[in-house]
Amino acid sequence: MQTSITPKIKWSVDDYHRMIAAGILDDRKVELLAGEIYSVAPEGTPHTFRSISLLKRLTNALGNRAEVRDAHPIVLSTSEPEPDIAVVKGSFEDYADRHPCAADVLLVVEVAKTTLVKELNQKRLVYAADQIPEYWVLNLKDAQLVVFRDPQDGDYQSKQSLKSGTISPLSFPDLSFSVWQLITGKSTAV
Protein backbone atom coordinates (compact mmCIF):
# COMPACT_ATOMS: atom_id res chain seq x y z
CA MET A 1 0.00 0.00 0.00
CA GLN A 2 1.46 3.32 -1.07
CA THR A 3 0.85 6.41 1.02
CA SER A 4 1.08 9.90 -0.28
CA ILE A 5 1.92 12.97 1.69
CA THR A 6 0.03 16.09 0.87
CA PRO A 7 2.46 18.98 0.36
CA LYS A 8 2.39 21.91 2.74
CA ILE A 9 0.51 24.94 1.48
CA LYS A 10 2.69 28.02 1.13
CA TRP A 11 1.00 31.39 1.51
CA SER A 12 1.82 34.17 -0.92
CA VAL A 13 2.32 37.74 0.18
CA ASP A 14 -1.02 38.54 -1.51
CA ASP A 15 -2.74 35.74 0.47
CA TYR A 16 -1.23 37.15 3.65
CA HIS A 17 -2.48 40.66 2.82
CA ARG A 18 -5.97 39.30 2.17
CA MET A 19 -5.94 37.57 5.58
CA ILE A 20 -4.93 40.86 7.22
CA ALA A 21 -7.63 42.79 5.34
CA ALA A 22 -10.26 40.20 6.33
CA GLY A 23 -9.29 40.53 10.00
CA ILE A 24 -8.21 36.90 10.32
CA LEU A 25 -4.90 37.85 11.94
CA ASP A 26 -6.15 40.79 14.04
CA ASP A 27 -5.54 39.21 17.44
CA ARG A 28 -2.20 37.66 16.54
CA LYS A 29 1.33 39.00 16.35
CA VAL A 30 2.65 37.16 13.29
CA GLU A 31 4.91 37.50 10.27
CA LEU A 32 5.16 35.71 6.93
CA LEU A 33 8.49 33.98 6.27
CA ALA A 34 9.11 32.02 3.08
CA GLY A 35 5.40 31.35 2.63
CA GLU A 36 4.72 30.26 6.22
CA ILE A 37 3.06 32.27 9.00
CA TYR A 38 4.94 32.37 12.30
CA SER A 39 4.07 33.79 15.70
CA VAL A 40 6.35 36.60 16.82
CA ALA A 41 7.85 36.10 20.27
CA PRO A 42 7.17 38.79 22.88
CA GLU A 43 10.07 41.10 23.69
CA GLY A 44 11.93 40.98 26.96
CA THR A 45 13.41 44.09 28.57
CA PRO A 46 16.98 43.53 27.22
CA HIS A 47 15.60 43.15 23.68
CA THR A 48 13.50 46.30 23.93
CA PHE A 49 16.37 48.32 25.43
CA ARG A 50 18.88 47.28 22.72
CA SER A 51 16.35 47.83 19.92
CA ILE A 52 15.47 51.33 21.10
CA SER A 53 19.14 52.20 21.68
CA LEU A 54 20.10 51.07 18.18
CA LEU A 55 17.08 52.79 16.66
CA LYS A 56 18.09 56.09 18.29
CA ARG A 57 21.74 55.74 17.25
CA LEU A 58 20.84 55.04 13.62
CA THR A 59 18.16 57.74 13.47
CA ASN A 60 20.48 60.39 14.96
CA ALA A 61 23.40 59.42 12.72
CA LEU A 62 21.39 59.18 9.49
CA GLY A 63 19.25 62.27 9.92
CA ASN A 64 17.26 62.64 6.70
CA ARG A 65 19.57 60.45 4.58
CA ALA A 66 17.28 57.42 5.06
CA GLU A 67 14.22 56.29 6.98
CA VAL A 68 14.81 54.15 10.07
CA ARG A 69 11.78 51.93 10.78
CA ASP A 70 11.04 50.23 14.07
CA ALA A 71 9.39 46.76 13.92
CA HIS A 72 7.26 47.45 10.85
CA PRO A 73 6.70 45.22 7.80
CA ILE A 74 8.86 45.04 4.73
CA VAL A 75 7.45 43.23 1.69
CA LEU A 76 9.68 40.61 0.09
CA SER A 77 8.98 38.05 -2.64
CA THR A 78 7.69 35.26 -0.35
CA SER A 79 7.79 36.98 3.02
CA GLU A 80 6.61 39.95 5.02
CA PRO A 81 8.85 40.06 8.08
CA GLU A 82 8.73 42.81 10.69
CA PRO A 83 12.41 43.30 11.50
CA ASP A 84 13.34 45.06 14.70
CA ILE A 85 14.95 47.76 12.57
CA ALA A 86 14.99 48.41 8.84
CA VAL A 87 16.92 51.25 7.26
CA VAL A 88 15.18 52.09 3.99
CA LYS A 89 15.64 54.58 1.16
CA GLY A 90 13.72 57.83 1.17
CA SER A 91 11.60 59.33 3.89
CA PHE A 92 8.61 58.44 6.03
CA GLU A 93 6.22 60.00 3.51
CA ASP A 94 7.44 57.68 0.74
CA TYR A 95 5.66 54.82 2.51
CA ALA A 96 2.25 56.40 3.04
CA ASP A 97 0.57 53.93 0.66
CA ARG A 98 2.86 50.90 0.82
CA HIS A 99 5.41 49.07 2.93
CA PRO A 100 9.03 49.17 1.77
CA CYS A 101 9.98 46.38 -0.63
CA ALA A 102 13.33 44.64 -1.01
CA ALA A 103 14.68 47.28 -3.42
CA ASP A 104 14.05 49.95 -0.75
CA VAL A 105 15.92 48.18 2.07
CA LEU A 106 19.52 49.14 2.84
CA LEU A 107 20.01 47.37 6.17
CA VAL A 108 17.96 45.04 8.37
CA VAL A 109 18.70 44.48 12.06
CA GLU A 110 17.25 41.81 14.31
CA VAL A 111 17.84 41.66 18.07
CA ALA A 112 17.70 38.11 19.39
CA LYS A 113 18.24 35.81 22.32
CA THR A 114 15.45 33.21 22.45
CA THR A 115 14.86 33.47 18.66
CA LEU A 116 18.56 33.42 17.77
CA VAL A 117 18.44 30.22 15.68
CA LYS A 118 15.52 31.62 13.64
CA GLU A 119 17.31 34.95 13.07
CA LEU A 120 20.68 33.43 12.17
CA ASN A 121 19.27 30.76 9.87
CA GLN A 122 15.74 31.17 8.54
CA LYS A 123 15.60 34.96 8.41
CA ARG A 124 19.15 35.15 7.07
CA LEU A 125 18.08 33.07 4.07
CA VAL A 126 14.87 35.09 3.58
CA TYR A 127 16.78 38.38 3.52
CA ALA A 128 19.58 37.02 1.32
CA ALA A 129 17.10 35.54 -1.19
CA ASP A 130 15.67 39.03 -1.76
CA GLN A 131 19.11 40.63 -2.05
CA ILE A 132 18.96 42.72 1.14
CA PRO A 133 22.55 44.03 1.00
CA GLU A 134 23.27 43.89 4.71
CA TYR A 135 21.79 42.05 7.69
CA TRP A 136 22.88 42.48 11.31
CA VAL A 137 21.88 40.21 14.18
CA LEU A 138 22.45 41.63 17.65
CA ASN A 139 23.07 38.35 19.46
CA LEU A 140 22.14 38.97 23.11
CA LYS A 141 23.00 35.41 24.16
CA ASP A 142 26.67 35.63 23.17
CA ALA A 143 27.03 39.44 23.38
CA GLN A 144 28.08 39.88 19.77
CA LEU A 145 27.04 41.56 16.56
CA VAL A 146 26.78 39.14 13.63
CA VAL A 147 27.09 40.94 10.29
CA PHE A 148 26.00 39.33 7.02
CA ARG A 149 26.89 40.91 3.68
CA ASP A 150 27.16 40.11 -0.02
CA PRO A 151 23.95 38.20 -0.83
CA GLN A 152 24.44 35.73 -3.69
CA ASP A 153 22.64 32.55 -4.71
CA GLY A 154 20.20 32.70 -1.78
CA ASP A 155 22.70 33.23 1.03
CA TYR A 156 25.18 35.76 2.34
CA GLN A 157 28.78 35.18 1.29
CA SER A 158 30.28 37.20 4.14
CA LYS A 159 29.72 36.70 7.88
CA GLN A 160 31.52 38.46 10.72
CA SER A 161 30.95 37.98 14.45
CA LEU A 162 32.08 41.10 16.30
CA LYS A 163 32.45 41.83 20.01
CA SER A 164 34.49 45.03 19.76
CA GLY A 165 35.76 47.61 17.30
CA THR A 166 33.57 49.65 15.01
CA ILE A 167 31.12 48.92 12.22
CA SER A 168 30.01 51.05 9.29
CA PRO A 169 26.87 50.22 7.31
CA LEU A 170 27.68 49.45 3.67
CA SER A 171 25.28 52.14 2.44
CA PHE A 172 26.80 54.75 4.77
CA PRO A 173 30.54 54.07 4.98
CA ASP A 174 31.14 57.54 6.44
CA LEU A 175 29.26 56.52 9.62
CA SER A 176 30.92 54.47 12.33
CA PHE A 177 29.32 52.79 15.33
CA SER A 178 30.98 51.25 18.38
CA VAL A 179 30.19 47.53 18.40
CA TRP A 180 30.36 47.55 22.21
CA GLN A 181 27.74 50.33 22.35
CA LEU A 182 25.47 48.44 19.94
CA ILE A 183 25.78 45.23 21.96
CA THR A 184 25.23 46.83 25.36
CA GLY A 185 22.94 49.67 24.33
CA LYS A 186 24.97 51.96 26.59
CA SER A 187 26.87 55.10 25.69
CA THR A 188 29.77 54.67 28.08
CA ALA A 189 31.44 51.85 29.98
CA VAL A 190 30.22 51.32 33.52
Foldseek 3Di string as FASTA:
>chain_A
DDDDDDDDQFAAPVNVVVCVVVVVCVVFQWWWFQRDIDGDDDDDPQQVLLLVLVLVVCCVVCPQQWEKDAQAWEDEGRITGRARIWTFGGYPVVDPPHHHYLVGTAEGEHEDEPCVVCVVPRVQLRNLVRCRAKYWYLHLNVLWIWIFGDRDPRHGPDIDTGNFDWDDRPVGNVDIDTRPCSSRSDDDDD
